[in-house]
Amino acid sequence: MQSRGMNDKPYRKRSIKYIQRGTTKYLPFPIISVTTVLCVALVLSMFSALYAGVRRKHSAPSIQRNLPVSPLRTLVTNTEVSATNQRSNDEDINVNGDHGPSIRSLQDLTPSELHPQAGPHRHIVNPPLDELPVTLVACTTTVGYLHILVHPSWAPLGAERFLHMVNSNYFSSKVALMRCIKNFLCQFGIAGIPSYNKPYNGKGNLLIDDRNWLPEGPTHRKNALGVKRFSKGYLAYAGGGKNSRSNQFIVALHDNERLGGGSPWEVPWGELVGKESYDTLDKIYTGYGENGPSQARLSREGSSEGVRQEFPNLDYILGCNVIDSR
């Protein structure tokens, strides 16, 4: 029987003690240095971070600015309006050469617009102090932009409902400016999609009247300076009796001495601000006057093709968005 040498020993008994200087005996696996391991890990980490960044860049959703879209004189469908209202400001600049609304934040307003007081040209009395945050809303119409400063301290319930309608995209249904009478007022609010009206109409959905802050009665239609009670650009609800406010509004097209004089639903909850708003107000079509589409028809059909064909000059609100609040 032959004796066994080192190379004859079973594999399981080999260990590092058999690695000898100047010999050709090795472990059955390579030995990698710690430095090599760290370098490889660092390279792999760098490639992983780079790959993750590329994926985020291509998969992240685009940020939509909360600004209304460009005014379009051509009437669009309800679907088109909803999609258009989500365009970013960069897209606004490229639509028909329009650069978007002129007022983009409360900082763009003058001190007299932010803090209105009675004066020789506007506001027959000092409006209530703003103890609640004011909200700037921009509405797109078929003739331009309307910037509305909502004052909840003027009429808390009325302001809250309007803002709820704005935030629910109610006005993106294409709301007809249905009863616009020259030098008087413009009435609007019935949704372009009939089902949108339901939450605001009927027993249990009507608002309790807010307290009127305007002076009431025939002796307060205008003051000694000639300032009329209901200023151009004031916004209130259209109603038909006590606690009757629903989803219809009025905006004064001209200073008026009779509005807000005792009808509890006519308490202003906000007003238009900025020159652009008043330019737009003056462009709204008033040719139909009292003979525009009836409330019953709009409630039944919404802003239908039949309404468009019969009243081709009718103007519409295409969407409203909150753009600032404080």
Protein backbone atom coordinates (compact mmCIF):
# COMPACT_ATOMS: atom_id res chain seq x y z
CA MET A 1 0.00 0.00 0.00
CA GLN A 2 1.33 3.41 -0.99
CA SER A 3 1.47 6.18 1.57
CA ARG A 4 -0.60 9.32 0.83
CA GLY A 5 1.06 12.66 0.20
CA MET A 6 -0.45 16.15 0.65
CA ASN A 7 -2.12 15.98 -2.73
CA ASP A 8 -3.80 12.75 -1.74
CA LYS A 9 -5.66 14.27 1.20
CA PRO A 10 -9.44 14.58 0.84
CA TYR A 11 -10.69 17.97 -0.52
CA ARG A 12 -12.72 18.71 2.62
CA LYS A 13 -9.59 18.77 4.76
CA ARG A 14 -7.74 21.41 2.77
CA SER A 15 -7.29 24.79 4.46
CA ILE A 16 -5.35 27.99 4.10
CA LYS A 17 -2.41 26.53 6.02
CA TYR A 18 -1.47 24.61 2.88
CA ILE A 19 -0.76 27.81 0.89
CA GLN A 20 2.98 28.10 1.02
CA ARG A 21 5.27 30.72 -0.36
CA GLY A 22 7.00 29.62 -3.52
CA THR A 23 4.65 26.71 -4.13
CA THR A 24 1.86 26.22 -6.63
CA LYS A 25 -0.76 25.18 -4.08
CA TYR A 26 -3.91 27.44 -4.04
CA LEU A 27 -7.34 27.57 -2.52
CA PRO A 28 -10.14 26.19 -4.72
CA PHE A 29 -11.60 29.77 -5.03
CA PRO A 30 -10.06 33.22 -5.82
CA ILE A 31 -9.38 35.68 -3.00
CA ILE A 32 -10.75 39.22 -3.80
CA SER A 33 -9.39 42.18 -1.91
CA VAL A 34 -11.66 44.47 0.14
CA THR A 35 -10.61 47.45 -2.00
CA THR A 36 -11.81 45.73 -5.17
CA VAL A 37 -15.18 44.94 -3.57
CA LEU A 38 -15.69 48.57 -2.49
CA CYS A 39 -14.80 49.92 -5.96
CA VAL A 40 -17.26 47.59 -7.67
CA ALA A 41 -20.01 48.52 -5.17
CA LEU A 42 -19.38 52.23 -5.74
CA VAL A 43 -19.62 51.88 -9.54
CA LEU A 44 -22.84 49.85 -9.28
CA SER A 45 -24.34 52.46 -6.91
CA MET A 46 -23.55 55.29 -9.34
CA PHE A 47 -25.19 53.47 -12.26
CA SER A 48 -28.24 52.66 -10.12
CA ALA A 49 -28.72 56.32 -9.11
CA LEU A 50 -28.33 57.49 -12.70
CA TYR A 51 -30.92 54.97 -13.91
CA ALA A 52 -33.41 55.96 -11.20
CA GLY A 53 -33.06 59.64 -12.12
CA VAL A 54 -33.74 58.96 -15.78
CA ARG A 55 -36.89 56.99 -14.87
CA ARG A 56 -38.19 59.82 -12.66
CA LYS A 57 -37.63 62.36 -15.39
CA HIS A 58 -39.66 60.42 -17.93
CA SER A 59 -42.40 59.15 -15.64
CA ALA A 60 -43.14 62.19 -13.41
CA PRO A 61 -46.48 63.87 -14.19
CA SER A 62 -46.40 67.41 -15.51
CA ILE A 63 -47.37 70.15 -13.04
CA GLN A 64 -50.58 71.94 -13.96
CA ARG A 65 -50.72 75.60 -13.01
CA ASN A 66 -53.99 76.66 -11.46
CA LEU A 67 -54.77 79.30 -14.07
CA PRO A 68 -57.69 79.49 -16.48
CA VAL A 69 -57.25 78.90 -20.17
CA SER A 70 -57.24 81.45 -22.95
CA PRO A 71 -60.60 82.96 -23.92
CA LEU A 72 -62.04 81.37 -27.05
CA ARG A 73 -64.71 83.19 -28.98
CA THR A 74 -65.54 79.99 -30.86
CA LEU A 75 -67.91 77.88 -28.77
CA VAL A 76 -66.41 74.56 -27.73
CA THR A 77 -67.92 71.34 -26.50
CA ASN A 78 -68.13 70.47 -22.83
CA THR A 79 -65.43 67.83 -23.24
CA GLU A 80 -63.12 70.30 -24.92
CA VAL A 81 -63.70 72.84 -22.17
CA SER A 82 -62.82 70.37 -19.42
CA ALA A 83 -59.62 69.38 -21.20
CA THR A 84 -58.72 72.98 -22.00
CA ASN A 85 -59.06 74.03 -18.37
CA GLN A 86 -56.12 71.76 -17.49
CA ARG A 87 -53.63 73.43 -19.83
CA SER A 88 -50.55 74.94 -18.34
CA ASN A 89 -49.60 78.59 -18.54
CA ASP A 90 -47.02 77.82 -21.22
CA GLU A 91 -49.78 76.49 -23.44
CA ASP A 92 -51.90 79.56 -22.70
CA ILE A 93 -49.24 81.79 -24.20
CA ASN A 94 -49.41 79.88 -27.47
CA VAL A 95 -53.19 79.93 -27.96
CA ASN A 96 -54.23 82.62 -30.41
CA GLY A 97 -51.34 84.81 -29.25
CA ASP A 98 -52.96 85.22 -25.82
CA HIS A 99 -50.64 85.51 -22.82
CA GLY A 100 -53.14 84.49 -20.18
CA PRO A 101 -54.86 86.58 -17.53
CA SER A 102 -53.27 89.87 -16.52
CA ILE A 103 -53.77 89.16 -12.79
CA ARG A 104 -52.02 86.05 -11.50
CA SER A 105 -51.95 86.63 -7.74
CA LEU A 106 -53.25 88.91 -5.02
CA GLN A 107 -49.96 90.81 -5.24
CA ASP A 108 -51.09 92.15 -8.62
CA LEU A 109 -54.00 94.04 -7.01
CA THR A 110 -53.89 97.64 -5.83
CA PRO A 111 -54.37 98.46 -2.11
CA SER A 112 -57.83 99.87 -2.86
CA GLU A 113 -58.80 96.61 -4.57
CA LEU A 114 -57.48 94.48 -1.72
CA HIS A 115 -58.97 96.68 1.00
CA PRO A 116 -61.99 98.50 -0.48
CA GLN A 117 -63.40 101.50 1.32
CA ALA A 118 -66.14 104.03 0.65
CA GLY A 119 -65.00 106.79 -1.69
CA PRO A 120 -66.15 109.39 -4.19
CA HIS A 121 -66.38 106.90 -7.07
CA ARG A 122 -67.15 103.49 -5.59
CA HIS A 123 -68.66 101.83 -2.49
CA ILE A 124 -71.47 103.80 -0.91
CA VAL A 125 -70.33 102.58 2.52
CA ASN A 126 -67.26 100.77 3.81
CA PRO A 127 -67.62 97.04 3.08
CA PRO A 128 -67.13 94.67 6.04
CA LEU A 129 -63.52 94.20 7.12
CA ASP A 130 -61.88 91.04 5.81
CA GLU A 131 -61.68 88.93 8.94
CA LEU A 132 -61.70 85.79 6.77
CA PRO A 133 -59.20 85.02 3.96
CA VAL A 134 -60.04 86.54 0.59
CA THR A 135 -59.80 84.41 -2.56
CA LEU A 136 -58.93 85.47 -6.10
CA VAL A 137 -60.78 83.59 -8.84
CA ALA A 138 -60.13 83.95 -12.57
CA CYS A 139 -62.89 82.97 -14.99
CA THR A 140 -62.45 82.45 -18.71
CA THR A 141 -65.30 83.67 -20.90
CA THR A 142 -65.86 83.79 -24.64
CA VAL A 143 -64.88 87.48 -24.57
CA GLY A 144 -61.99 87.55 -22.09
CA TYR A 145 -61.05 87.09 -18.47
CA LEU A 146 -63.03 88.04 -15.36
CA HIS A 147 -61.05 88.33 -12.13
CA ILE A 148 -63.27 87.96 -9.06
CA LEU A 149 -62.13 88.82 -5.54
CA VAL A 150 -64.30 86.81 -3.15
CA HIS A 151 -64.82 88.34 0.30
CA PRO A 152 -66.27 85.72 2.67
CA SER A 153 -66.64 88.39 5.37
CA TRP A 154 -69.14 90.20 3.13
CA ALA A 155 -71.48 87.22 2.83
CA PRO A 156 -70.04 83.98 4.30
CA LEU A 157 -72.66 81.52 3.03
CA GLY A 158 -72.86 83.02 -0.44
CA ALA A 159 -69.07 83.15 -0.83
CA GLU A 160 -68.65 79.58 0.37
CA ARG A 161 -71.13 78.21 -2.17
CA PHE A 162 -69.54 80.07 -5.07
CA LEU A 163 -66.09 78.79 -4.15
CA HIS A 164 -67.46 75.25 -3.84
CA MET A 165 -68.84 75.54 -7.37
CA VAL A 166 -65.49 76.82 -8.64
CA ASN A 167 -63.51 74.03 -6.98
CA SER A 168 -65.87 71.36 -8.33
CA ASN A 169 -65.31 72.58 -11.93
CA TYR A 170 -68.97 73.54 -12.18
CA PHE A 171 -68.26 76.44 -14.54
CA SER A 172 -66.31 74.23 -16.93
CA SER A 173 -69.68 72.91 -18.10
CA LYS A 174 -69.99 76.10 -20.24
CA VAL A 175 -72.34 78.38 -18.31
CA ALA A 176 -74.45 80.75 -20.40
CA LEU A 177 -74.47 84.49 -19.66
CA MET A 178 -78.18 84.19 -20.31
CA ARG A 179 -79.90 87.42 -19.25
CA CYS A 180 -77.65 90.38 -19.90
CA ILE A 181 -79.36 93.76 -20.00
CA LYS A 182 -77.39 96.76 -21.18
CA ASN A 183 -76.35 99.19 -18.42
CA PHE A 184 -78.08 97.02 -15.81
CA LEU A 185 -76.94 93.48 -14.99
CA CYS A 186 -75.98 90.10 -16.37
CA GLN A 187 -77.51 86.94 -14.92
CA PHE A 188 -75.81 83.55 -15.17
CA GLY A 189 -75.24 80.30 -13.31
CA ILE A 190 -77.31 77.50 -14.87
CA ALA A 191 -74.87 74.74 -15.74
CA GLY A 192 -74.14 73.71 -19.31
CA ILE A 193 -74.61 70.11 -18.19
CA PRO A 194 -78.09 69.81 -16.59
CA SER A 195 -77.09 67.26 -13.93
CA TYR A 196 -74.65 69.77 -12.42
CA ASN A 197 -77.59 71.89 -11.20
CA LYS A 198 -79.06 69.26 -8.89
CA PRO A 199 -76.92 69.80 -5.74
CA TYR A 200 -77.91 73.48 -5.60
CA ASN A 201 -81.63 73.42 -6.35
CA GLY A 202 -84.71 72.13 -4.62
CA LYS A 203 -85.84 72.05 -1.02
CA GLY A 204 -82.96 71.58 1.37
CA ASN A 205 -80.34 72.94 -1.04
CA LEU A 206 -81.22 76.64 -0.94
CA LEU A 207 -79.08 79.03 1.10
CA ILE A 208 -80.18 80.99 4.12
CA ASP A 209 -79.75 84.71 3.44
CA ASP A 210 -76.59 86.45 4.62
CA ARG A 211 -76.90 89.74 6.45
CA ASN A 212 -77.04 92.67 4.04
CA TRP A 213 -74.27 95.20 4.64
CA LEU A 214 -75.56 97.69 2.06
CA PRO A 215 -77.87 100.47 3.31
CA GLU A 216 -81.46 99.57 2.50
CA GLY A 217 -84.48 101.58 1.44
CA PRO A 218 -85.18 104.29 -1.16
CA THR A 219 -83.41 106.98 0.87
CA HIS A 220 -80.07 105.14 0.49
CA ARG A 221 -80.00 104.54 -3.23
CA LYS A 222 -77.08 106.94 -3.54
CA ASN A 223 -75.17 109.19 -1.22
CA ALA A 224 -74.36 112.90 -1.27
CA LEU A 225 -71.36 112.25 -3.54
CA GLY A 226 -73.57 110.50 -6.09
CA VAL A 227 -72.15 107.05 -5.37
CA LYS A 228 -74.83 104.47 -6.12
CA ARG A 229 -75.57 101.58 -3.80
CA PHE A 230 -74.70 98.60 -6.03
CA SER A 231 -71.41 99.31 -7.82
CA LYS A 232 -70.47 98.05 -11.26
CA GLY A 233 -68.74 94.69 -10.89
CA TYR A 234 -70.49 93.69 -7.65
CA LEU A 235 -71.54 90.04 -7.60
CA ALA A 236 -74.57 88.66 -5.75
CA TYR A 237 -77.14 85.90 -6.14
CA ALA A 238 -80.28 86.05 -8.24
CA GLY A 239 -83.24 85.00 -6.14
CA GLY A 240 -86.99 85.16 -5.82
CA GLY A 241 -87.69 85.60 -2.13
CA LYS A 242 -86.34 85.00 1.34
CA ASN A 243 -83.75 82.22 1.58
CA SER A 244 -84.02 81.47 -2.15
CA ARG A 245 -80.37 81.55 -3.27
CA SER A 246 -79.36 78.56 -5.39
CA ASN A 247 -76.87 78.53 -8.28
CA GLN A 248 -77.71 81.71 -10.17
CA PHE A 249 -75.79 84.97 -9.93
CA ILE A 250 -75.89 88.56 -11.06
CA VAL A 251 -73.04 90.91 -11.86
CA ALA A 252 -73.73 94.63 -12.23
CA LEU A 253 -72.89 95.96 -15.70
CA HIS A 254 -73.27 99.52 -14.45
CA ASP A 255 -73.55 101.33 -11.12
CA ASN A 256 -77.10 100.75 -9.92
CA GLU A 257 -79.07 102.48 -7.19
CA ARG A 258 -81.90 99.95 -6.82
CA LEU A 259 -80.11 96.61 -6.50
CA GLY A 260 -79.23 95.50 -2.99
CA GLY A 261 -81.79 97.77 -1.45
CA GLY A 262 -83.80 95.26 0.53
CA SER A 263 -83.83 92.04 -1.48
CA PRO A 264 -81.87 89.82 0.93
CA TRP A 265 -80.39 87.65 -1.81
CA GLU A 266 -78.69 90.65 -3.40
CA VAL A 267 -76.02 91.08 -0.72
CA PRO A 268 -72.64 91.25 -2.54
CA TRP A 269 -70.14 88.50 -1.73
CA GLY A 270 -67.41 89.75 -4.07
CA GLU A 271 -66.49 92.06 -6.90
CA LEU A 272 -64.52 92.22 -10.12
CA VAL A 273 -60.98 93.58 -9.90
CA GLY A 274 -58.55 94.79 -12.53
CA LYS A 275 -59.03 96.77 -15.73
CA GLU A 276 -59.10 93.61 -17.81
CA SER A 277 -62.21 92.40 -15.96
CA TYR A 278 -64.14 95.58 -16.69
CA ASP A 279 -63.06 95.55 -20.32
CA THR A 280 -64.42 92.00 -20.55
CA LEU A 281 -67.62 93.02 -18.76
CA ASP A 282 -68.23 95.71 -21.39
CA LYS A 283 -67.78 93.15 -24.21
CA ILE A 284 -70.47 90.74 -23.02
CA TYR A 285 -73.28 90.59 -25.55
CA THR A 286 -76.45 92.31 -24.29
CA GLY A 287 -78.47 92.28 -27.53
CA TYR A 288 -80.86 89.56 -26.38
CA GLY A 289 -81.70 91.33 -23.14
CA GLU A 290 -84.74 89.75 -21.49
CA ASN A 291 -85.29 87.59 -24.58
CA GLY A 292 -82.35 85.25 -24.21
CA PRO A 293 -82.78 81.51 -23.55
CA SER A 294 -85.23 80.88 -20.72
CA GLN A 295 -84.18 79.46 -17.38
CA ALA A 296 -86.43 76.47 -17.92
CA ARG A 297 -84.83 75.64 -21.25
CA LEU A 298 -81.28 75.97 -19.97
CA SER A 299 -82.13 73.84 -16.94
CA ARG A 300 -83.53 71.19 -19.25
CA GLU A 301 -81.01 71.32 -22.14
CA GLY A 302 -77.95 73.02 -20.73
CA SER A 303 -75.72 74.75 -23.27
CA SER A 304 -77.03 72.61 -26.09
CA GLU A 305 -76.48 72.84 -29.81
CA GLY A 306 -80.08 74.02 -30.16
CA VAL A 307 -79.43 76.93 -27.78
CA ARG A 308 -76.26 77.81 -29.67
CA GLN A 309 -78.02 77.87 -33.02
CA GLU A 310 -80.95 79.95 -31.78
CA PHE A 311 -78.75 82.38 -29.81
CA PRO A 312 -75.46 82.46 -31.74
CA ASN A 313 -74.21 85.65 -30.06
CA LEU A 314 -74.69 84.38 -26.52
CA ASP A 315 -71.55 84.53 -24.41
CA TYR A 316 -70.44 81.86 -21.95
CA ILE A 317 -68.21 81.23 -18.96
CA LEU A 318 -65.88 78.40 -19.97
CA GLY A 319 -64.23 77.78 -16.62
CA CYS A 320 -63.21 79.32 -13.29
CA ASN A 321 -60.18 78.57 -11.09
CA VAL A 322 -58.88 79.74 -7.73
CA ILE A 323 -55.48 81.30 -8.34
CA ASP A 324 -54.65 82.81 -4.94
CA SER A 325 -55.98 83.10 -1.41
CA ARG A 326 -54.87 84.65 1.85
